[in-house]
Amino acid sequence: MRQLLVGCALLSGALVILAHSPSLEVNAQDRPAAPTPKPQSQGTAKSTASSNGVDPQKVARIRELMELTGAKNLGQELIQAGMEQFRSSVQDSQPDNPRAKQFVDAFVARFQKHFDANSLNDRIIPIYDKYLTDDDLKGLIAYYHSPLGQRMLKSLPELTRESQAAGFAMGQKAAQETMDELKAQFPEFTGAKDEEKPAAGEPKPN
């Protein structure tokens, strides 16, 4: 039950973060779709966006924008957050199993061999190319270099952290209330059956 509550709360927190993220108002209508990057085998993951047909000068602007906004490190940050949540879920589900930590450590180590965060950036660049024109990129870069843009970037970590905390608290409350409402209908999923069991040493109800 605890894991379900945490999952609902994290989802709410993620939605709040997305709602508070800086929006990119661009005109992407009537633009041809960028070619979809082909899956790459391990060992050839170090491809460049120019190989996907994106103009090299535009690639440079996209990379500059990603650097300014922190999107360059987004893949690694998401992986770290996901791995921490995975570690917590496994160890919480098997607190008395000494191999739980060994399993998580092994999984994280092997996962990082199969997921290259740098390659994610190469796959994201054609998506930026699809929705942002050269003029869009120039305008956004100029904005994030401006005093207002710099203030926005400095405030963003705290905005994200506090928004996540607000979303987590709201999601946890909503999840608990929902669980309470569903106890009678789904006791096997909401922990109601466990609550009915007498504690050790207590007489069973007649």
Protein backbone atom coordinates (compact mmCIF):
# COMPACT_ATOMS: atom_id res chain seq x y z
CA MET A 1 0.00 0.00 0.00
CA ARG A 2 2.81 2.40 0.87
CA GLN A 3 4.38 1.92 -2.56
CA LEU A 4 1.06 2.71 -4.27
CA LEU A 5 0.73 5.90 -2.23
CA VAL A 6 4.28 6.95 -3.04
CA GLY A 7 3.74 6.21 -6.73
CA CYS A 8 0.61 8.37 -6.86
CA ALA A 9 2.36 11.16 -4.99
CA LEU A 10 5.36 11.10 -7.32
CA LEU A 11 3.07 11.25 -10.34
CA SER A 12 1.31 14.31 -8.92
CA GLY A 13 4.65 15.93 -8.19
CA ALA A 14 5.84 15.30 -11.74
CA LEU A 15 2.68 16.88 -13.16
CA VAL A 16 3.17 19.97 -11.00
CA ILE A 17 6.78 20.28 -12.20
CA LEU A 18 5.66 20.07 -15.83
CA ALA A 19 3.01 22.71 -15.21
CA HIS A 20 5.63 25.11 -13.77
CA SER A 21 8.33 24.50 -16.38
CA PRO A 22 9.20 27.39 -18.72
CA SER A 23 7.02 27.11 -21.81
CA LEU A 24 8.38 27.39 -25.32
CA GLU A 25 5.83 29.19 -27.49
CA VAL A 26 6.92 28.46 -31.04
CA ASN A 27 5.23 28.04 -34.37
CA ALA A 28 5.73 24.45 -35.46
CA GLN A 29 2.78 24.29 -37.87
CA ASP A 30 3.29 23.23 -41.46
CA ARG A 31 6.87 22.20 -40.73
CA PRO A 32 8.04 18.84 -42.04
CA ALA A 33 8.67 16.19 -39.42
CA ALA A 34 12.30 15.53 -38.68
CA PRO A 35 13.51 12.06 -39.57
CA THR A 36 13.12 9.62 -36.72
CA PRO A 37 16.54 8.54 -35.37
CA LYS A 38 17.23 4.92 -36.09
CA PRO A 39 17.91 2.65 -33.12
CA GLN A 40 21.63 2.24 -32.62
CA SER A 41 23.48 -0.72 -31.35
CA GLN A 42 25.67 -0.47 -28.27
CA GLY A 43 29.08 0.70 -29.40
CA THR A 44 27.71 2.97 -32.15
CA ALA A 45 25.65 5.10 -29.80
CA LYS A 46 28.06 8.01 -30.16
CA SER A 47 26.32 9.42 -33.24
CA THR A 48 25.96 13.10 -34.06
CA ALA A 49 22.78 14.93 -34.89
CA SER A 50 24.24 16.05 -38.20
CA SER A 51 24.09 12.43 -39.36
CA ASN A 52 20.31 12.67 -38.95
CA GLY A 53 20.10 15.51 -41.44
CA VAL A 54 20.11 18.46 -39.03
CA ASP A 55 22.06 21.51 -40.16
CA PRO A 56 25.33 21.69 -38.18
CA GLN A 57 24.85 25.39 -37.34
CA LYS A 58 21.39 24.61 -36.00
CA VAL A 59 22.81 21.71 -34.02
CA ALA A 60 25.24 24.14 -32.38
CA ARG A 61 22.37 26.46 -31.42
CA ILE A 62 20.31 23.58 -30.06
CA ARG A 63 23.24 22.42 -27.96
CA GLU A 64 23.75 25.97 -26.68
CA LEU A 65 20.08 26.19 -25.69
CA MET A 66 20.24 22.79 -23.99
CA GLU A 67 23.34 23.90 -22.10
CA LEU A 68 21.71 27.17 -20.99
CA THR A 69 18.49 25.54 -19.77
CA GLY A 70 20.10 22.49 -18.19
CA ALA A 71 18.40 20.14 -20.62
CA LYS A 72 21.81 18.76 -21.53
CA ASN A 73 22.00 16.96 -18.20
CA LEU A 74 18.33 16.00 -18.04
CA GLY A 75 18.89 12.40 -19.10
CA GLN A 76 21.46 11.74 -16.39
CA GLU A 77 19.33 13.48 -13.76
CA LEU A 78 16.28 11.41 -14.70
CA ILE A 79 18.27 8.21 -14.53
CA GLN A 80 19.69 9.07 -11.10
CA ALA A 81 16.24 9.94 -9.76
CA GLY A 82 14.77 6.78 -11.23
CA MET A 83 17.51 4.59 -9.81
CA GLU A 84 17.09 6.08 -6.35
CA GLN A 85 13.36 5.44 -6.48
CA PHE A 86 14.01 1.89 -7.71
CA ARG A 87 16.50 1.31 -4.90
CA SER A 88 14.04 2.58 -2.30
CA SER A 89 11.16 0.49 -3.68
CA VAL A 90 13.15 -2.77 -3.72
CA GLN A 91 14.64 -2.31 -0.25
CA ASP A 92 11.32 -1.21 1.24
CA SER A 93 9.55 -4.21 -0.25
CA GLN A 94 12.14 -6.65 1.18
CA PRO A 95 13.59 -4.99 4.29
CA ASP A 96 14.72 -8.30 5.81
CA ASN A 97 16.42 -9.63 2.69
CA PRO A 98 20.19 -8.99 2.86
CA ARG A 99 20.46 -9.62 -0.90
CA ALA A 100 18.10 -6.75 -1.76
CA LYS A 101 20.88 -4.15 -1.63
CA GLN A 102 23.22 -6.44 -3.58
CA PHE A 103 20.58 -6.86 -6.28
CA VAL A 104 19.95 -3.11 -6.56
CA ASP A 105 23.69 -2.32 -6.72
CA ALA A 106 24.16 -4.93 -9.45
CA PHE A 107 21.13 -3.68 -11.39
CA VAL A 108 22.24 -0.03 -11.26
CA ALA A 109 25.79 -0.89 -12.33
CA ARG A 110 24.63 -2.97 -15.28
CA PHE A 111 21.88 -0.53 -16.29
CA GLN A 112 24.39 2.28 -16.59
CA LYS A 113 26.35 0.15 -19.07
CA HIS A 114 23.28 -0.12 -21.30
CA PHE A 115 22.04 3.48 -21.05
CA ASP A 116 24.24 6.29 -22.34
CA ALA A 117 22.86 9.67 -21.28
CA ASN A 118 25.05 11.43 -23.86
CA SER A 119 23.40 9.43 -26.63
CA LEU A 120 20.03 10.65 -25.37
CA ASN A 121 21.08 14.21 -26.21
CA ASP A 122 21.87 13.15 -29.78
CA ARG A 123 18.39 11.67 -30.07
CA ILE A 124 16.75 14.77 -28.60
CA ILE A 125 18.39 17.21 -31.01
CA PRO A 126 16.22 16.17 -34.00
CA ILE A 127 13.15 16.73 -31.79
CA TYR A 128 14.29 20.30 -31.09
CA ASP A 129 14.87 20.68 -34.84
CA LYS A 130 11.33 19.48 -35.52
CA TYR A 131 9.60 22.06 -33.32
CA LEU A 132 11.98 25.03 -33.20
CA THR A 133 13.04 27.20 -36.11
CA ASP A 134 16.39 28.94 -36.31
CA ASP A 135 14.68 32.19 -35.30
CA ASP A 136 13.06 30.41 -32.34
CA LEU A 137 16.44 29.19 -31.16
CA LYS A 138 18.07 32.61 -31.55
CA GLY A 139 15.24 34.25 -29.61
CA LEU A 140 15.33 31.70 -26.80
CA ILE A 141 19.10 31.88 -26.50
CA ALA A 142 18.92 35.68 -26.36
CA TYR A 143 16.21 35.46 -23.69
CA TYR A 144 18.17 33.05 -21.48
CA HIS A 145 21.24 35.27 -21.82
CA SER A 146 19.21 38.32 -20.75
CA PRO A 147 18.97 39.43 -17.10
CA LEU A 148 15.36 38.19 -16.92
CA GLY A 149 16.28 34.83 -18.44
CA GLN A 150 19.22 34.48 -16.07
CA ARG A 151 16.95 35.18 -13.09
CA MET A 152 14.54 32.56 -14.37
CA LEU A 153 17.30 29.99 -14.66
CA LYS A 154 18.59 30.78 -11.16
CA SER A 155 15.08 30.47 -9.70
CA LEU A 156 14.22 27.28 -11.58
CA PRO A 157 15.88 24.77 -9.18
CA GLU A 158 13.99 26.17 -6.19
CA LEU A 159 10.77 26.46 -8.19
CA THR A 160 11.15 22.83 -9.21
CA ARG A 161 12.01 21.63 -5.70
CA GLU A 162 9.14 23.43 -4.00
CA SER A 163 6.70 22.48 -6.75
CA GLN A 164 7.74 18.85 -6.40
CA ALA A 165 7.24 18.98 -2.64
CA ALA A 166 3.80 20.56 -3.05
CA GLY A 167 2.81 18.00 -5.67
CA PHE A 168 4.11 15.12 -3.56
CA ALA A 169 2.14 16.25 -0.48
CA MET A 170 -1.01 16.81 -2.53
CA GLY A 171 -0.65 13.46 -4.28
CA GLN A 172 0.00 11.60 -1.03
CA LYS A 173 -3.13 13.11 0.57
CA ALA A 174 -5.27 12.34 -2.47
CA ALA A 175 -3.90 8.78 -2.68
CA GLN A 176 -4.63 8.14 1.02
CA GLU A 177 -8.19 9.46 0.70
CA THR A 178 -8.74 7.34 -2.41
CA MET A 179 -7.41 4.24 -0.66
CA ASP A 180 -9.75 4.86 2.28
CA GLU A 181 -12.73 5.09 -0.07
CA LEU A 182 -11.81 1.82 -1.80
CA LYS A 183 -11.08 -0.27 1.31
CA ALA A 184 -14.46 -1.97 1.38
CA GLN A 185 -14.48 -2.67 -2.36
CA PHE A 186 -10.86 -3.76 -2.80
CA PRO A 187 -9.54 -4.89 0.61
CA GLU A 188 -6.83 -7.05 -0.96
CA PHE A 189 -5.23 -4.02 -2.63
CA THR A 190 -5.75 -1.31 -0.01
CA GLY A 191 -4.32 -3.04 3.05
CA ALA A 192 -7.71 -3.44 4.73
CA LYS A 193 -7.19 -7.19 5.19
CA ASP A 194 -3.88 -6.62 6.94
CA GLU A 195 -5.50 -4.12 9.29
CA GLU A 196 -8.12 -6.70 10.25
CA LYS A 197 -5.49 -9.24 11.35
CA PRO A 198 -4.99 -9.27 15.16
CA ALA A 199 -1.55 -8.30 16.39
CA ALA A 200 0.70 -10.99 17.84
CA GLY A 201 -0.58 -12.02 21.27
CA GLU A 202 -4.03 -10.50 20.77
CA PRO A 203 -7.03 -12.86 20.94
CA LYS A 204 -8.75 -13.47 17.62
CA PRO A 205 -12.21 -11.93 17.36
CA ASN A 206 -15.08 -14.39 17.82
